[in-house]
C-alpha atoms as a PDB file:
ATOM      1  CA  MET A   1       3.942   8.408  18.843  1.00  0.00           C
ATOM      2  CA  ALA A   2       4.543  11.946  17.587  1.00  0.00           C
ATOM      3  CA  PRO A   3       1.567  14.363  17.430  1.00  0.00           C
ATOM      4  CA  ALA A   4       1.591  14.335  13.616  1.00  0.00           C
ATOM      5  CA  ASP A   5       1.584  10.521  13.600  1.00  0.00           C
ATOM      6  CA  THR A   6      -1.321  10.458  16.053  1.00  0.00           C
ATOM      7  CA  ALA A   7      -3.348  12.907  13.963  1.00  0.00           C
ATOM      8  CA  VAL A   8      -2.943  10.787  10.825  1.00  0.00           C
ATOM      9  CA  VAL A   9      -3.722   7.507  12.611  1.00  0.00           C
ATOM     10  CA  MET A  10      -6.835   8.999  14.237  1.00  0.00           C
ATOM     11  CA  GLU A  11      -8.183  10.115  10.865  1.00  0.00           C
ATOM     12  CA  LEU A  12      -7.433   6.733   9.293  1.00  0.00           C
ATOM     13  CA  ALA A  13      -9.206   4.988  12.179  1.00  0.00           C
ATOM     14  CA  HIS A  14     -12.170   7.302  11.665  1.00  0.00           C
ATOM     15  CA  LEU A  15     -12.468   6.205   8.014  1.00  0.00           C
ATOM     16  CA  ALA A  16     -11.568   2.517   8.358  1.00  0.00           C
ATOM     17  CA  ASP A  17     -13.852  -0.450   7.875  1.00  0.00           C
ATOM     18  CA  TRP A  18     -13.903  -3.418  10.252  1.00  0.00           C
ATOM     19  CA  ARG A  19     -10.659  -4.733   8.744  1.00  0.00           C
ATOM     20  CA  GLY A  20      -8.939  -1.414   9.362  1.00  0.00           C
ATOM     21  CA  GLU A  21      -8.961  -0.551   5.649  1.00  0.00           C
ATOM     22  CA  SER A  22      -9.877   2.700   3.947  1.00  0.00           C
ATOM     23  CA  VAL A  23      -9.303   4.372   0.583  1.00  0.00           C
ATOM     24  CA  VAL A  24      -7.589   7.632   1.498  1.00  0.00           C
ATOM     25  CA  SER A  25      -5.868  10.370  -0.478  1.00  0.00           C
ATOM     26  CA  VAL A  26      -2.990  12.473   0.801  1.00  0.00           C
ATOM     27  CA  ALA A  27      -5.081  15.571   0.052  1.00  0.00           C
ATOM     28  CA  HIS A  28      -7.812  14.361   2.425  1.00  0.00           C
ATOM     29  CA  LEU A  29      -5.315  13.759   5.236  1.00  0.00           C
ATOM     30  CA  VAL A  30      -3.788  17.196   4.648  1.00  0.00           C
ATOM     31  CA  ASP A  31      -7.233  18.800   4.869  1.00  0.00           C
ATOM     32  CA  ARG A  32      -8.324  16.940   8.021  1.00  0.00           C
ATOM     33  CA  THR A  33      -5.055  16.993   9.985  1.00  0.00           C
ATOM     34  CA  HIS A  34      -3.909  20.498   8.959  1.00  0.00           C
ATOM     35  CA  LEU A  35      -0.452  19.127   8.214  1.00  0.00           C
ATOM     36  CA  GLY A  36       1.600  19.896   5.111  1.00  0.00           C
ATOM     37  CA  VAL A  37       1.701  17.560   2.120  1.00  0.00           C
ATOM     38  CA  ARG A  38       5.346  16.636   2.706  1.00  0.00           C
ATOM     39  CA  THR A  39       4.675  16.058   6.403  1.00  0.00           C
ATOM     40  CA  VAL A  40       1.757  13.716   5.681  1.00  0.00           C
ATOM     41  CA  LYS A  41       3.840  11.737   3.178  1.00  0.00           C
ATOM     42  CA  ARG A  42       6.699  11.435   5.696  1.00  0.00           C
ATOM     43  CA  VAL A  43       4.283  10.336   8.432  1.00  0.00           C
ATOM     44  CA  LEU A  44       2.744   7.643   6.206  1.00  0.00           C
ATOM     45  CA  ALA A  45       6.183   6.333   5.243  1.00  0.00           C
ATOM     46  CA  ARG A  46       7.277   6.336   8.900  1.00  0.00           C
ATOM     47  CA  LEU A  47       4.149   4.528  10.085  1.00  0.00           C
ATOM     48  CA  GLU A  48       4.516   1.924   7.334  1.00  0.00           C
ATOM     49  CA  ALA A  49       8.172   1.327   8.242  1.00  0.00           C
ATOM     50  CA  ARG A  50       7.137   0.833  11.888  1.00  0.00           C
ATOM     51  CA  GLY A  51       4.466  -1.707  10.967  1.00  0.00           C
ATOM     52  CA  VAL A  52       1.533   0.507  11.946  1.00  0.00           C
ATOM     53  CA  LEU A  53      -0.050   0.392   8.492  1.00  0.00           C
ATOM     54  CA  LEU A  54       0.220  -1.056   5.006  1.00  0.00           C
ATOM     55  CA  ARG A  55      -0.334   0.903   1.799  1.00  0.00           C
ATOM     56  CA  ARG A  56      -1.446  -0.372  -1.596  1.00  0.00           C
ATOM     57  CA  ARG A  57      -1.291   2.081  -4.464  1.00  0.00           C
ATOM     58  CA  ARG A  58      -4.336   2.199  -6.737  1.00  0.00           C
ATOM     59  CA  ARG A  59      -4.680   3.231 -10.368  1.00  0.00           C
ATOM     60  CA  VAL A  60      -7.816   5.017 -11.561  1.00  0.00           C
ATOM     61  CA  ASP A  61      -8.203   5.513 -15.317  1.00  0.00           C
ATOM     62  CA  GLY A  62      -4.469   5.184 -15.771  1.00  0.00           C
ATOM     63  CA  HIS A  63      -3.645   7.729 -13.072  1.00  0.00           C
ATOM     64  CA  GLN A  64      -2.551   7.469  -9.455  1.00  0.00           C
ATOM     65  CA  GLY A  65      -5.644   7.271  -7.250  1.00  0.00           C
ATOM     66  CA  ALA A  66      -6.133   7.387  -3.501  1.00  0.00           C
ATOM     67  CA  SER A  67      -4.236   4.606  -1.742  1.00  0.00           C
ATOM     68  CA  LEU A  68      -5.825   1.654   0.037  1.00  0.00           C
ATOM     69  CA  ILE A  69      -4.464   1.837   3.593  1.00  0.00           C
ATOM     70  CA  ARG A  70      -4.811  -0.875   6.218  1.00  0.00           C
ATOM     71  CA  LEU A  71      -4.172  -0.160   9.894  1.00  0.00           C
ATOM     72  CA  LEU A  72      -2.438  -3.133  11.503  1.00  0.00           C
ATOM     73  CA  PRO A  73      -3.141  -4.477  15.011  1.00  0.00           C
ATOM     74  CA  GLN A  74      -0.626  -3.240  17.551  1.00  0.00           C
ATOM     75  CA  ALA A  75       0.499  -4.880  20.763  1.00  0.00           C
ATOM     76  CA  ALA A  76      -0.827  -2.935  23.764  1.00  0.00           C
ATOM     77  CA  SER A  77       1.459  -2.557  26.753  1.00  0.00           C
ATOM     78  CA  ALA A  78       1.352  -0.315  29.786  1.00  0.00           C
ATOM     79  CA  ALA A  79       5.082  -0.656  30.376  1.00  0.00           C
ATOM     80  CA  ALA A  80       7.652   1.669  28.913  1.00  0.00           C
ATOM     81  CA  GLU A  81       9.220   0.430  25.699  1.00  0.00           C
ATOM     82  CA  ASP A  82      12.634   0.055  27.320  1.00  0.00           C
ATOM     83  CA  ASP A  83      11.131  -2.200  30.000  1.00  0.00           C
ATOM     84  CA  VAL A  84       9.458  -4.644  27.605  1.00  0.00           C
ATOM     85  CA  GLU A  85      11.253  -7.948  27.259  1.00  0.00           C
ATOM     86  CA  GLU A  86      12.419  -8.636  23.716  1.00  0.00           C
ATOM     87  CA  ILE A  87      10.022 -10.977  21.934  1.00  0.00           C
ATOM     88  CA  ARG A  88      11.776 -13.960  20.379  1.00  0.00           C
ATOM     89  CA  VAL A  89       9.427 -15.437  17.804  1.00  0.00           C
ATOM     90  CA  TYR A  90      11.220 -17.057  14.903  1.00  0.00           C
ATOM     91  CA  ARG A  91      11.309 -20.310  12.986  1.00  0.00           C
ATOM     92  CA  PHE A  92      15.036 -21.015  12.753  1.00  0.00           C
ATOM     93  CA  PRO A  93      17.882 -20.642  15.284  1.00  0.00           C
ATOM     94  CA  LEU A  94      20.043 -17.538  15.070  1.00  0.00           C
ATOM     95  CA  PRO A  95      23.740 -17.304  15.992  1.00  0.00           C
ATOM     96  CA  GLU A  96      24.911 -15.585  19.156  1.00  0.00           C
ATOM     97  CA  VAL A  97      26.751 -12.603  17.697  1.00  0.00           C
ATOM     98  CA  ASP A  98      27.907  -9.328  19.231  1.00  0.00           C
ATOM     99  CA  LEU A  99      25.991  -6.702  17.254  1.00  0.00           C
ATOM    100  CA  GLU A 100      28.747  -4.150  17.822  1.00  0.00           C
ATOM    101  CA  GLY A 101      31.328  -4.595  15.104  1.00  0.00           C
ATOM    102  CA  ARG A 102      31.994  -4.504  11.383  1.00  0.00           C
ATOM    103  CA  TRP A 103      29.064  -4.824   8.977  1.00  0.00           C
ATOM    104  CA  VAL A 104      28.287  -4.309   5.279  1.00  0.00           C
ATOM    105  CA  GLU A 105      25.835  -1.787   3.840  1.00  0.00           C
ATOM    106  CA  THR A 106      23.118  -2.891   1.403  1.00  0.00           C
ATOM    107  CA  SER A 107      24.739  -0.808  -1.336  1.00  0.00           C
ATOM    108  CA  ASP A 108      27.992  -2.792  -1.045  1.00  0.00           C
ATOM    109  CA  ASN A 109      27.373  -6.046  -2.918  1.00  0.00           C
ATOM    110  CA  GLU A 110      31.070  -6.866  -3.238  1.00  0.00           C
ATOM    111  CA  GLY A 111      31.542  -6.324   0.481  1.00  0.00           C
ATOM    112  CA  LEU A 112      28.759  -8.797   1.234  1.00  0.00           C
ATOM    113  CA  ARG A 113      30.207 -11.301  -1.227  1.00  0.00           C
ATOM    114  CA  GLU A 114      33.636 -11.091   0.439  1.00  0.00           C
ATOM    115  CA  ALA A 115      32.105 -11.498   3.902  1.00  0.00           C
ATOM    116  CA  ILE A 116      30.165 -14.605   2.803  1.00  0.00           C
ATOM    117  CA  LEU A 117      33.261 -16.134   1.194  1.00  0.00           C
ATOM    118  CA  GLY A 118      35.189 -15.414   4.382  1.00  0.00           C
ATOM    119  CA  ALA A 119      32.467 -17.065   6.468  1.00  0.00           C
ATOM    120  CA  ILE A 120      32.644 -20.141   4.231  1.00  0.00           C
ATOM    121  CA  ASP A 121      36.422 -20.337   4.704  1.00  0.00           C
ATOM    122  CA  GLU A 122      35.892 -20.169   8.467  1.00  0.00           C
ATOM    123  CA  SER A 123      33.129 -22.829   8.344  1.00  0.00           C
ATOM    124  CA  TRP A 124      30.664 -20.188   9.563  1.00  0.00           C
ATOM    125  CA  ARG A 125      32.314 -19.956  12.973  1.00  0.00           C
ATOM    126  CA  GLY A 126      34.556 -16.903  12.803  1.00  0.00           C
ATOM    127  CA  GLU A 127      34.525 -13.135  12.525  1.00  0.00           C
ATOM    128  CA  GLU A 128      33.248 -13.047   8.928  1.00  0.00           C
ATOM    129  CA  MET A 129      30.138 -14.950   9.964  1.00  0.00           C
ATOM    130  CA  GLY A 130      29.537 -12.173  12.478  1.00  0.00           C
ATOM    131  CA  VAL A 131      29.945  -9.582   9.719  1.00  0.00           C
ATOM    132  CA  VAL A 132      27.283 -11.313   7.608  1.00  0.00           C
ATOM    133  CA  TYR A 133      24.866 -11.564  10.526  1.00  0.00           C
ATOM    134  CA  ARG A 134      25.391  -7.962  11.666  1.00  0.00           C
ATOM    135  CA  SER A 135      24.796  -6.847   8.077  1.00  0.00           C
ATOM    136  CA  LEU A 136      21.507  -8.752   8.013  1.00  0.00           C
ATOM    137  CA  ASP A 137      20.456  -7.402  11.407  1.00  0.00           C
ATOM    138  CA  ARG A 138      21.012  -3.817  10.278  1.00  0.00           C
ATOM    139  CA  ALA A 139      19.453  -4.276   6.825  1.00  0.00           C
ATOM    140  CA  VAL A 140      16.396  -6.448   7.450  1.00  0.00           C
ATOM    141  CA  THR A 141      14.021  -3.593   8.362  1.00  0.00           C
ATOM    142  CA  GLN A 142      14.567  -1.807   5.048  1.00  0.00           C
ATOM    143  CA  GLN A 143      15.963  -4.418   2.650  1.00  0.00           C
ATOM    144  CA  MET A 144      13.284  -6.974   3.558  1.00  0.00           C
ATOM    145  CA  ALA A 145      10.486  -4.616   4.609  1.00  0.00           C
ATOM    146  CA  GLY A 146       8.064  -6.215   2.163  1.00  0.00           C
ATOM    147  CA  ILE A 147       8.683  -9.666   3.645  1.00  0.00           C
ATOM    148  CA  ILE A 148       8.116  -8.322   7.155  1.00  0.00           C
ATOM    149  CA  HIS A 149       4.849  -6.714   6.051  1.00  0.00           C
ATOM    150  CA  GLU A 150       3.660  -9.975   4.479  1.00  0.00           C
ATOM    151  CA  GLY A 151       4.346 -11.745   7.771  1.00  0.00           C
ATOM    152  CA  ILE A 152       2.188  -9.167   9.536  1.00  0.00           C
ATOM    153  CA  GLU A 153      -0.643  -9.389   7.025  1.00  0.00           C
ATOM    154  CA  PHE A 154      -0.718 -13.082   6.156  1.00  0.00           C
ATOM    155  CA  ALA A 155       0.892 -14.862   9.132  1.00  0.00           C
ATOM    156  CA  ARG A 156      -0.795 -12.508  11.650  1.00  0.00           C
ATOM    157  CA  LEU A 157       2.504 -11.724  13.379  1.00  0.00           C
ATOM    158  CA  ARG A 158       3.089  -8.519  15.283  1.00  0.00           C
ATOM    159  CA  PRO A 159       5.676  -6.177  13.708  1.00  0.00           C
ATOM    160  CA  ASP A 160       8.453  -7.149  16.126  1.00  0.00           C
ATOM    161  CA  GLU A 161       7.614 -10.841  15.743  1.00  0.00           C
ATOM    162  CA  SER A 162       7.627 -10.637  11.949  1.00  0.00           C
ATOM    163  CA  LYS A 163      10.976  -8.846  11.941  1.00  0.00           C
ATOM    164  CA  ALA A 164      12.560 -11.518  14.154  1.00  0.00           C
ATOM    165  CA  ASP A 165      11.003 -14.341  12.151  1.00  0.00           C
ATOM    166  CA  THR A 166      12.041 -12.808   8.816  1.00  0.00           C
ATOM    167  CA  THR A 167      15.598 -12.493  10.119  1.00  0.00           C
ATOM    168  CA  SER A 168      15.599 -16.188  10.979  1.00  0.00           C
ATOM    169  CA  TRP A 169      14.284 -17.155   7.533  1.00  0.00           C
ATOM    170  CA  ALA A 170      16.929 -14.983   5.882  1.00  0.00           C
ATOM    171  CA  TRP A 171      19.670 -16.599   7.972  1.00  0.00           C
ATOM    172  CA  GLN A 172      18.437 -20.070   7.062  1.00  0.00           C
ATOM    173  CA  VAL A 173      18.435 -19.030   3.390  1.00  0.00           C
ATOM    174  CA  ILE A 174      22.032 -17.769   3.486  1.00  0.00           C
ATOM    175  CA  ARG A 175      23.130 -21.101   4.956  1.00  0.00           C
ATOM    176  CA  GLU A 176      21.132 -23.288   2.549  1.00  0.00           C
ATOM    177  CA  CYS A 177      21.545 -21.240  -0.652  1.00  0.00           C
ATOM    178  CA  THR A 178      25.029 -19.853  -0.099  1.00  0.00           C
ATOM    179  CA  GLU A 179      26.318 -20.653  -3.587  1.00  0.00           C
ATOM    180  CA  ARG A 180      23.394 -19.012  -5.392  1.00  0.00           C
ATOM    181  CA  ILE A 181      23.745 -15.855  -3.331  1.00  0.00           C
ATOM    182  CA  VAL A 182      27.522 -15.498  -3.406  1.00  0.00           C
ATOM    183  CA  THR A 183      27.717 -16.060  -7.185  1.00  0.00           C
ATOM    184  CA  ALA A 184      24.892 -13.645  -8.028  1.00  0.00           C
ATOM    185  CA  ASP A 185      25.616 -10.282  -9.620  1.00  0.00           C
ATOM    186  CA  CYS A 186      23.830  -8.614  -6.698  1.00  0.00           C
ATOM    187  CA  PRO A 187      24.087 -10.821  -3.580  1.00  0.00           C
ATOM    188  CA  TRP A 188      21.831  -8.543  -1.531  1.00  0.00           C
ATOM    189  CA  ALA A 189      19.036  -8.730  -4.116  1.00  0.00           C
ATOM    190  CA  MET A 190      19.373 -12.497  -4.545  1.00  0.00           C
ATOM    191  CA  TRP A 191      19.303 -13.002  -0.769  1.00  0.00           C
ATOM    192  CA  THR A 192      16.096 -10.959  -0.545  1.00  0.00           C
ATOM    193  CA  VAL A 193      14.390 -12.726  -3.470  1.00  0.00           C
ATOM    194  CA  ILE A 194      15.108 -16.226  -2.155  1.00  0.00           C
ATOM    195  CA  THR A 195      13.989 -15.242   1.343  1.00  0.00           C
ATOM    196  CA  LYS A 196      10.716 -13.858  -0.015  1.00  0.00           C
ATOM    197  CA  ARG A 197      10.010 -17.078  -1.907  1.00  0.00           C
ATOM    198  CA  ALA A 198      10.815 -19.150   1.167  1.00  0.00           C
ATOM    199  CA  THR A 199       8.561 -17.168   3.517  1.00  0.00           C
ATOM    200  CA  ARG A 200       5.705 -17.048   1.024  1.00  0.00           C
ATOM    201  CA  SER A 201       5.622 -20.813   0.644  1.00  0.00           C
ATOM    202  CA  GLY A 202       6.583 -21.774   4.199  1.00  0.00           C
ATOM    203  CA  ARG A 203       5.084 -19.093   6.412  1.00  0.00           C
ATOM    204  CA  ASP A 204       2.622 -16.723   4.760  1.00  0.00           C
ATOM    205  CA  ASP A 205       0.618 -19.154   2.584  1.00  0.00           C
ATOM    206  CA  VAL A 206       0.630 -16.699  -0.308  1.00  0.00           C
ATOM    207  CA  LEU A 207      -0.455 -18.150  -3.644  1.00  0.00           C
ATOM    208  CA  PRO A 208       2.579 -19.433  -5.594  1.00  0.00           C
ATOM    209  CA  GLU A 209       3.728 -17.548  -8.657  1.00  0.00           C
ATOM    210  CA  GLY A 210       1.596 -18.427 -11.673  1.00  0.00           C
ATOM    211  CA  VAL A 211      -1.444 -19.379  -9.568  1.00  0.00           C
ATOM    212  CA  ARG A 212      -4.507 -17.174  -9.705  1.00  0.00           C
ATOM    213  CA  VAL A 213      -8.104 -17.194  -8.500  1.00  0.00           C
ATOM    214  CA  ASP A 214     -10.760 -16.570 -11.146  1.00  0.00           C
ATOM    215  CA  GLU A 215     -14.374 -15.511 -10.804  1.00  0.00           C
ATOM    216  CA  VAL A 216     -16.980 -18.241 -11.100  1.00  0.00           C
ATOM    217  CA  ASP A 217     -20.224 -17.852 -13.015  1.00  0.00           C
ATOM    218  CA  PRO A 218     -22.993 -18.184 -10.361  1.00  0.00           C
ATOM    219  CA  SER A 219     -24.997 -20.368 -12.749  1.00  0.00           C
ATOM    220  CA  LEU A 220     -22.173 -22.909 -12.667  1.00  0.00           C
ATOM    221  CA  MET A 221     -22.049 -23.151  -8.875  1.00  0.00           C
ATOM    222  CA  PRO A 222     -23.061 -26.567  -7.454  1.00  0.00           C
ATOM    223  CA  GLU A 223     -26.589 -26.740  -6.101  1.00  0.00           C
ATOM    224  CA  GLY A 224     -26.736 -26.085  -2.379  1.00  0.00           C
ATOM    225  CA  VAL A 225     -23.640 -23.860  -2.281  1.00  0.00           C
ATOM    226  CA  SER A 226     -24.425 -20.361  -1.049  1.00  0.00           C
ATOM    227  CA  LEU A 227     -23.431 -17.469  -3.265  1.00  0.00           C
ATOM    228  CA  PRO A 228     -21.614 -14.450  -1.763  1.00  0.00           C
ATOM    229  CA  GLY A 229     -24.743 -12.296  -1.820  1.00  0.00           C
ATOM    230  CA  GLU A 230     -26.728 -14.959   0.013  1.00  0.00           C
ATOM    231  CA  LEU A 231     -24.452 -15.201   3.034  1.00  0.00           C
ATOM    232  CA  ALA A 232     -25.424 -13.608   6.342  1.00  0.00           C
ATOM    233  CA  VAL A 233     -22.882 -10.924   7.272  1.00  0.00           C
ATOM    234  CA  ASP A 234     -22.663  -8.308   9.997  1.00  0.00           C
ATOM    235  CA  ALA A 235     -20.075  -5.977   8.442  1.00  0.00           C
ATOM    236  CA  VAL A 236     -18.881  -4.819   5.041  1.00  0.00           C
ATOM    237  CA  ALA A 237     -15.256  -4.199   4.087  1.00  0.00           C
ATOM    238  CA  VAL A 238     -13.896  -2.087   1.248  1.00  0.00           C
ATOM    239  CA  ASP A 239     -12.773  -5.062  -0.828  1.00  0.00           C
ATOM    240  CA  ASP A 240     -16.006  -7.047  -0.344  1.00  0.00           C
ATOM    241  CA  PHE A 241     -17.804  -5.015  -3.005  1.00  0.00           C
ATOM    242  CA  GLU A 242     -15.011  -2.944  -4.522  1.00  0.00           C
ATOM    243  CA  ARG A 243     -15.818  -3.950  -8.087  1.00  0.00           C
ATOM    244  CA  VAL A 244     -19.570  -3.493  -7.635  1.00  0.00           C
ATOM    245  CA  LEU A 245     -19.178  -0.109  -5.937  1.00  0.00           C
ATOM    246  CA  ARG A 246     -16.620   1.219  -8.400  1.00  0.00           C
ATOM    247  CA  ASP A 247     -19.241   2.749 -10.733  1.00  0.00           C
ATOM    248  CA  PRO A 248     -21.156   4.741  -8.095  1.00  0.00           C
ATOM    249  CA  VAL A 249     -17.908   5.874  -6.458  1.00  0.00           C
ATOM    250  CA  ASP A 250     -16.528   7.032  -9.808  1.00  0.00           C
ATOM    251  CA  ALA A 251     -19.810   8.827 -10.501  1.00  0.00           C
ATOM    252  CA  LEU A 252     -19.684  10.586  -7.118  1.00  0.00           C
ATOM    253  CA  VAL A 253     -16.098  11.686  -7.744  1.00  0.00           C
ATOM    254  CA  ALA A 254     -16.999  12.920 -11.242  1.00  0.00           C
ATOM    255  CA  ALA A 255     -19.855  14.930  -9.711  1.00  0.00           C
ATOM    256  CA  GLY A 256     -17.471  16.735  -7.363  1.00  0.00           C
ATOM    257  CA  MET A 257     -17.056  14.623  -4.217  1.00  0.00           C
ATOM    258  CA  ASP A 258     -13.544  13.792  -3.030  1.00  0.00           C
ATOM    259  CA  GLU A 259     -12.536  10.151  -3.513  1.00  0.00           C
ATOM    260  CA  THR A 260     -11.895   9.463   0.175  1.00  0.00           C
ATOM    261  CA  THR A 261     -15.383  10.559   1.256  1.00  0.00           C
ATOM    262  CA  ALA A 262     -16.960   8.781  -1.721  1.00  0.00           C
ATOM    263  CA  TRP A 263     -15.393   5.456  -0.726  1.00  0.00           C
ATOM    264  CA  ALA A 264     -15.975   5.820   3.028  1.00  0.00           C
ATOM    265  CA  GLY A 265     -19.597   6.886   2.596  1.00  0.00           C
ATOM    266  CA  THR A 266     -20.429   4.279  -0.044  1.00  0.00           C
ATOM    267  CA  ARG A 267     -18.921   1.504   2.073  1.00  0.00           C
ATOM    268  CA  ARG A 268     -20.938   2.590   5.105  1.00  0.00           C
ATOM    269  CA  VAL A 269     -24.169   2.879   3.109  1.00  0.00           C
ATOM    270  CA  ALA A 270     -23.545  -0.605   1.667  1.00  0.00           C
ATOM    271  CA  GLU A 271     -23.013  -1.899   5.203  1.00  0.00           C
ATOM    272  CA  LEU A 272     -26.304  -0.411   6.371  1.00  0.00           C
ATOM    273  CA  ALA A 273     -28.054  -1.880   3.333  1.00  0.00           C
ATOM    274  CA  VAL A 274     -26.813  -5.335   4.359  1.00  0.00           C
ATOM    275  CA  LEU A 275     -27.550  -4.977   8.073  1.00  0.00           C
ATOM    276  CA  LYS A 276     -30.990  -3.369   7.909  1.00  0.00           C
ATOM    277  CA  GLY A 277     -34.164  -4.648   6.316  1.00  0.00           C
ATOM    278  CA  SER A 278     -35.492  -3.119   3.118  1.00  0.00           C
ATOM    279  CA  SER A 279     -38.013  -1.046   5.085  1.00  0.00           C
ATOM    280  CA  ARG A 280     -35.364   0.365   7.437  1.00  0.00           C
ATOM    281  CA  ARG A 281     -32.378   1.030   5.183  1.00  0.00           C
ATOM    282  CA  HIS A 282     -33.103   4.631   4.229  1.00  0.00           C
ATOM    283  CA  THR A 283     -34.065   5.663   7.759  1.00  0.00           C
ATOM    284  CA  ALA A 284     -31.002   3.920   9.199  1.00  0.00           C
ATOM    285  CA  ALA A 285     -28.759   5.815   6.782  1.00  0.00           C
ATOM    286  CA  ALA A 286     -30.385   9.134   7.695  1.00  0.00           C
ATOM    287  CA  GLU A 287     -29.799   8.459  11.411  1.00  0.00           C
ATOM    288  CA  ASP A 288     -26.329   6.912  11.142  1.00  0.00           C
ATOM    289  CA  ALA A 289     -23.656   8.567  13.291  1.00  0.00           C
ATOM    290  CA  ARG A 290     -20.786   7.340  11.093  1.00  0.00           C
ATOM    291  CA  LEU A 291     -22.246   9.057   8.031  1.00  0.00           C
ATOM    292  CA  GLU A 292     -22.939  12.169  10.083  1.00  0.00           C
ATOM    293  CA  ASP A 293     -19.277  12.232  11.120  1.00  0.00           C
ATOM    294  CA  LEU A 294     -18.372  12.283   7.417  1.00  0.00           C
ATOM    295  CA  GLY A 295     -20.483  15.405   6.985  1.00  0.00           C
ATOM    296  CA  VAL A 296     -23.418  13.578   5.380  1.00  0.00           C
ATOM    297  CA  SER A 297     -26.839  15.083   6.115  1.00  0.00           C
ATOM    298  CA  ALA A 298     -29.996  12.999   6.467  1.00  0.00           C
ATOM    299  CA  PRO A 299     -31.331  13.928   2.973  1.00  0.00           C
ATOM    300  CA  CYS A 300     -27.928  13.154   1.476  1.00  0.00           C
ATOM    301  CA  ALA A 301     -27.786   9.783   3.264  1.00  0.00           C
ATOM    302  CA  ARG A 302     -31.237   8.846   1.959  1.00  0.00           C
ATOM    303  CA  ALA A 303     -30.234   9.781  -1.588  1.00  0.00           C
ATOM    304  CA  TRP A 304     -27.018   7.775  -1.195  1.00  0.00           C
ATOM    305  CA  MET A 305     -28.986   4.706  -0.128  1.00  0.00           C
ATOM    306  CA  THR A 306     -31.317   5.164  -3.108  1.00  0.00           C
ATOM    307  CA  LEU A 307     -28.288   5.314  -5.404  1.00  0.00           C
ATOM    308  CA  LEU A 308     -27.093   1.914  -4.176  1.00  0.00           C
ATOM    309  CA  VAL A 309     -30.251  -0.123  -3.552  1.00  0.00           C
ATOM    310  CA  GLY A 310     -33.034   1.864  -5.188  1.00  0.00           C
ATOM    311  CA  SER A 311     -36.033   3.584  -3.648  1.00  0.00           C
ATOM    312  CA  ARG A 312     -37.842   2.100  -0.680  1.00  0.00           C
ATOM    313  CA  ARG A 313     -41.060   1.587  -2.655  1.00  0.00           C
ATOM    314  CA  GLY A 314     -39.264   0.050  -5.611  1.00  0.00           C
ATOM    315  CA  THR A 315     -39.988   2.830  -8.106  1.00  0.00           C
ATOM    316  CA  ARG A 316     -36.257   3.194  -8.759  1.00  0.00           C
ATOM    317  CA  GLY A 317     -33.930   0.218  -9.222  1.00  0.00           C
ATOM    318  CA  SER A 318     -30.550  -0.431  -7.603  1.00  0.00           C
ATOM    319  CA  VAL A 319     -27.219   0.649  -9.031  1.00  0.00           C
ATOM    320  CA  LEU A 320     -26.910  -2.765 -10.674  1.00  0.00           C
ATOM    321  CA  GLU A 321     -30.058  -2.081 -12.699  1.00  0.00           C
ATOM    322  CA  MET A 322     -29.333   1.522 -13.692  1.00  0.00           C
ATOM    323  CA  ALA A 323     -27.925   2.695 -16.983  1.00  0.00           C
ATOM    324  CA  PRO A 324     -24.655   4.688 -16.690  1.00  0.00           C
ATOM    325  CA  GLU A 325     -26.448   7.999 -17.237  1.00  0.00           C
ATOM    326  CA  GLU A 326     -28.914   7.147 -14.449  1.00  0.00           C
ATOM    327  CA  VAL A 327     -26.032   6.402 -12.070  1.00  0.00           C
ATOM    328  CA  GLU A 328     -24.459   9.742 -12.965  1.00  0.00           C
ATOM    329  CA  GLY A 329     -27.747  11.564 -12.397  1.00  0.00           C
ATOM    330  CA  MET A 330     -28.327   9.990  -8.983  1.00  0.00           C
ATOM    331  CA  ALA A 331     -24.707  10.604  -7.990  1.00  0.00           C
ATOM    332  CA  ALA A 332     -25.105  14.273  -8.881  1.00  0.00           C
ATOM    333  CA  LYS A 333     -28.130  14.481  -6.547  1.00  0.00           C
ATOM    334  CA  VAL A 334     -26.115  12.895  -3.731  1.00  0.00           C
ATOM    335  CA  VAL A 335     -23.232  15.331  -4.206  1.00  0.00           C
ATOM    336  CA  LYS A 336     -25.584  18.333  -4.365  1.00  0.00           C
ATOM    337  CA  ALA A 337     -27.203  17.252  -1.092  1.00  0.00           C
ATOM    338  CA  TYR A 338     -23.728  16.746   0.408  1.00  0.00           C
ATOM    339  CA  GLN A 339     -22.604  20.230  -0.623  1.00  0.00           C
ATOM    340  CA  ASP A 340     -25.825  21.911   0.543  1.00  0.00           C
ATOM    341  CA  ILE A 341     -25.040  21.260   4.207  1.00  0.00           C
END
């Protein structure tokens, strides 16, 4: 891994929750890694293409906000990369084809169509079949990058495993749906779309199109079923309370704190609030090494905990009980304490 890549990954790991997720802006990474804006953007794109991380763009008040970034588990190996045996994890059989030879670029839809028609004429046993397969082998990393990433995230495959498996799904699709692909205006796009649908339903267990999960009114829950807030947990992730924490995070940002620190600190304070008893929360926040690493002083950490759960003696309510102007006022106190370090 290049030094710039390592610097970015180390900072992301520093901010990540137990799932490897963090809300991070490019500006924050530029500030902490001392790399240029263009360099950071190139590094993020390179790491995503290699399966090191996944990015999800976020909108805040109609504008581009800091991205949600998830670091993905990587296979650890002491051997040199050239010495590692190729991992063959895929659902469907692949043809034995010499990868040195003619192939078609993803921008050449007519070339792909001609190669497929030629493979059909040869009953998928001749040179044109090899052209189609070599084209897939060269294109899968970019053309079907989203499908590979879904295999990593939902099927828990390693990057190399997901690439091999996605290739096998795509090859099965070209054999089963040949007519739909070859008659499409854009064969490459049709091939990708059908492959995505196939992997989502057959491998990744993603919800089908048109299916959604709605919130349930707690009062309508069957008796005896625990509600989310009643479950015993030992860690808090960004998306566990994203909607609940949105208001205090927005208030912190409006008061002058950068979005990355606001999310990382609020998530950690929420985690401490869950893990520690009501009598220990504020002290635990003041002594927490993770918050200290973010540049949060003990007084700031105590104020942050008060913002989320209220005062220790109950004279001030939690963020859920505060009016918007109260949230803004408490957030301003947190930011002032943060800046007074």
